[in-house]
Amino acid sequence: MIQKILDALSDPTRREILKLLKRGEKSAGEISEHFDVSAPAISRHLSLLRDAEMVSARREGKNVYYSLSLNFIDEMKLWLNGFAE
């Protein structure tokens, strides 16, 4: 899982998406409005973030809403603490 998290964090667009979601839940459309890339590209970024368990998604009608999942931070802390020993 650490590799997926590191891969997700390696992209500036994905890091910016995480910053947006830090402020609260947003729909895929609301997230797309903040970027000058196509909606399918944002969808791919969101898919990678979900795969790394960094965001969660819920469907409401035709919309998908994304929120930040902070569990990955604990996993990163454990991994990084392994270097301090």
C-alpha atoms as a PDB file:
ATOM      1  CA  MET A   1       0.000   0.000   0.000  1.00  0.00           C
ATOM      2  CA  ILE A   2       2.893   2.374   0.726  1.00  0.00           C
ATOM      3  CA  GLN A   3       3.980   2.212  -2.914  1.00  0.00           C
ATOM      4  CA  LYS A   4       0.481   3.192  -4.081  1.00  0.00           C
ATOM      5  CA  ILE A   5       0.464   6.120  -1.649  1.00  0.00           C
ATOM      6  CA  LEU A   6       3.894   7.303  -2.774  1.00  0.00           C
ATOM      7  CA  ASP A   7       2.900   6.969  -6.436  1.00  0.00           C
ATOM      8  CA  ALA A   8      -0.272   8.967  -5.798  1.00  0.00           C
ATOM      9  CA  LEU A   9       1.655  11.703  -3.982  1.00  0.00           C
ATOM     10  CA  SER A  10       4.210  11.955  -6.789  1.00  0.00           C
ATOM     11  CA  ASP A  11       1.797  13.861  -9.030  1.00  0.00           C
ATOM     12  CA  PRO A  12       1.152  17.582  -8.386  1.00  0.00           C
ATOM     13  CA  THR A  13      -2.438  17.388  -9.633  1.00  0.00           C
ATOM     14  CA  ARG A  14      -3.241  14.616  -7.170  1.00  0.00           C
ATOM     15  CA  ARG A  15      -1.599  16.558  -4.348  1.00  0.00           C
ATOM     16  CA  GLU A  16      -3.754  19.559  -5.266  1.00  0.00           C
ATOM     17  CA  ILE A  17      -6.886  17.373  -5.271  1.00  0.00           C
ATOM     18  CA  LEU A  18      -6.010  16.242  -1.740  1.00  0.00           C
ATOM     19  CA  LYS A  19      -5.674  19.889  -0.677  1.00  0.00           C
ATOM     20  CA  LEU A  20      -9.114  20.645  -2.131  1.00  0.00           C
ATOM     21  CA  LEU A  21     -10.669  17.715  -0.304  1.00  0.00           C
ATOM     22  CA  LYS A  22      -9.033  18.817   2.928  1.00  0.00           C
ATOM     23  CA  ARG A  23     -11.607  21.635   2.920  1.00  0.00           C
ATOM     24  CA  GLY A  24     -14.483  19.168   2.606  1.00  0.00           C
ATOM     25  CA  GLU A  25     -16.354  16.798   0.335  1.00  0.00           C
ATOM     26  CA  LYS A  26     -16.610  17.743  -3.338  1.00  0.00           C
ATOM     27  CA  SER A  27     -18.225  16.258  -6.409  1.00  0.00           C
ATOM     28  CA  ALA A  28     -16.086  15.152  -9.323  1.00  0.00           C
ATOM     29  CA  GLY A  29     -17.405  18.144 -11.274  1.00  0.00           C
ATOM     30  CA  GLU A  30     -16.453  20.583  -8.519  1.00  0.00           C
ATOM     31  CA  ILE A  31     -12.960  19.100  -8.430  1.00  0.00           C
ATOM     32  CA  SER A  32     -12.636  19.324 -12.230  1.00  0.00           C
ATOM     33  CA  GLU A  33     -13.473  23.043 -12.160  1.00  0.00           C
ATOM     34  CA  HIS A  34     -10.154  23.745 -10.416  1.00  0.00           C
ATOM     35  CA  PHE A  35      -7.980  22.288 -13.175  1.00  0.00           C
ATOM     36  CA  ASP A  36      -7.213  22.951 -16.823  1.00  0.00           C
ATOM     37  CA  VAL A  37      -7.337  19.270 -17.749  1.00  0.00           C
ATOM     38  CA  SER A  38     -10.127  17.108 -19.098  1.00  0.00           C
ATOM     39  CA  ALA A  39     -12.756  15.509 -16.873  1.00  0.00           C
ATOM     40  CA  PRO A  40     -11.507  12.023 -17.844  1.00  0.00           C
ATOM     41  CA  ALA A  41      -8.001  13.005 -16.676  1.00  0.00           C
ATOM     42  CA  ILE A  42      -9.392  14.130 -13.301  1.00  0.00           C
ATOM     43  CA  SER A  43     -11.389  10.912 -13.118  1.00  0.00           C
ATOM     44  CA  ARG A  44      -8.170   8.940 -13.596  1.00  0.00           C
ATOM     45  CA  HIS A  45      -6.453  10.926 -10.838  1.00  0.00           C
ATOM     46  CA  LEU A  46      -9.400  10.279  -8.511  1.00  0.00           C
ATOM     47  CA  SER A  47      -9.315   6.593  -9.357  1.00  0.00           C
ATOM     48  CA  LEU A  48      -5.627   6.389  -8.418  1.00  0.00           C
ATOM     49  CA  LEU A  49      -6.290   8.238  -5.156  1.00  0.00           C
ATOM     50  CA  ARG A  50      -9.147   5.845  -4.349  1.00  0.00           C
ATOM     51  CA  ASP A  51      -6.965   2.856  -5.189  1.00  0.00           C
ATOM     52  CA  ALA A  52      -4.366   4.172  -2.723  1.00  0.00           C
ATOM     53  CA  GLU A  53      -7.196   4.571  -0.170  1.00  0.00           C
ATOM     54  CA  MET A  54      -6.458   8.280   0.143  1.00  0.00           C
ATOM     55  CA  VAL A  55      -9.965   9.356  -0.815  1.00  0.00           C
ATOM     56  CA  SER A  56     -13.355   7.747  -0.506  1.00  0.00           C
ATOM     57  CA  ALA A  57     -16.287   8.107  -2.865  1.00  0.00           C
ATOM     58  CA  ARG A  58     -20.033   7.979  -2.459  1.00  0.00           C
ATOM     59  CA  ARG A  59     -22.674   8.104  -5.137  1.00  0.00           C
ATOM     60  CA  GLU A  60     -25.720  10.338  -4.825  1.00  0.00           C
ATOM     61  CA  GLY A  61     -27.934  10.108  -7.867  1.00  0.00           C
ATOM     62  CA  LYS A  62     -25.788  10.862 -10.905  1.00  0.00           C
ATOM     63  CA  ASN A  63     -23.047  12.542  -8.875  1.00  0.00           C
ATOM     64  CA  VAL A  64     -20.042  11.014  -7.151  1.00  0.00           C
ATOM     65  CA  TYR A  65     -18.762  12.858  -4.097  1.00  0.00           C
ATOM     66  CA  TYR A  66     -15.201  12.486  -2.888  1.00  0.00           C
ATOM     67  CA  SER A  67     -13.784  13.050   0.565  1.00  0.00           C
ATOM     68  CA  LEU A  68     -10.356  12.810   2.100  1.00  0.00           C
ATOM     69  CA  SER A  69      -9.579   9.571   3.906  1.00  0.00           C
ATOM     70  CA  LEU A  70      -6.910  10.181   6.536  1.00  0.00           C
ATOM     71  CA  ASN A  71      -6.101   6.518   7.219  1.00  0.00           C
ATOM     72  CA  PHE A  72      -3.208   6.707   4.777  1.00  0.00           C
ATOM     73  CA  ILE A  73      -1.459   9.204   7.060  1.00  0.00           C
ATOM     74  CA  ASP A  74      -1.263   6.645   9.857  1.00  0.00           C
ATOM     75  CA  GLU A  75       0.147   4.084   7.451  1.00  0.00           C
ATOM     76  CA  MET A  76       2.762   6.572   6.252  1.00  0.00           C
ATOM     77  CA  LYS A  77       3.726   7.398   9.851  1.00  0.00           C
ATOM     78  CA  LEU A  78       4.275   3.731  10.644  1.00  0.00           C
ATOM     79  CA  TRP A  79       6.370   3.277   7.528  1.00  0.00           C
ATOM     80  CA  LEU A  80       8.456   6.381   8.199  1.00  0.00           C
ATOM     81  CA  ASN A  81       8.961   5.433  11.850  1.00  0.00           C
ATOM     82  CA  GLY A  82      10.683   2.295  10.613  1.00  0.00           C
ATOM     83  CA  PHE A  83      13.522   4.514   9.400  1.00  0.00           C
ATOM     84  CA  ALA A  84      13.931   6.182  12.784  1.00  0.00           C
ATOM     85  CA  GLU A  85      14.753   2.953  14.596  1.00  0.00           C
END
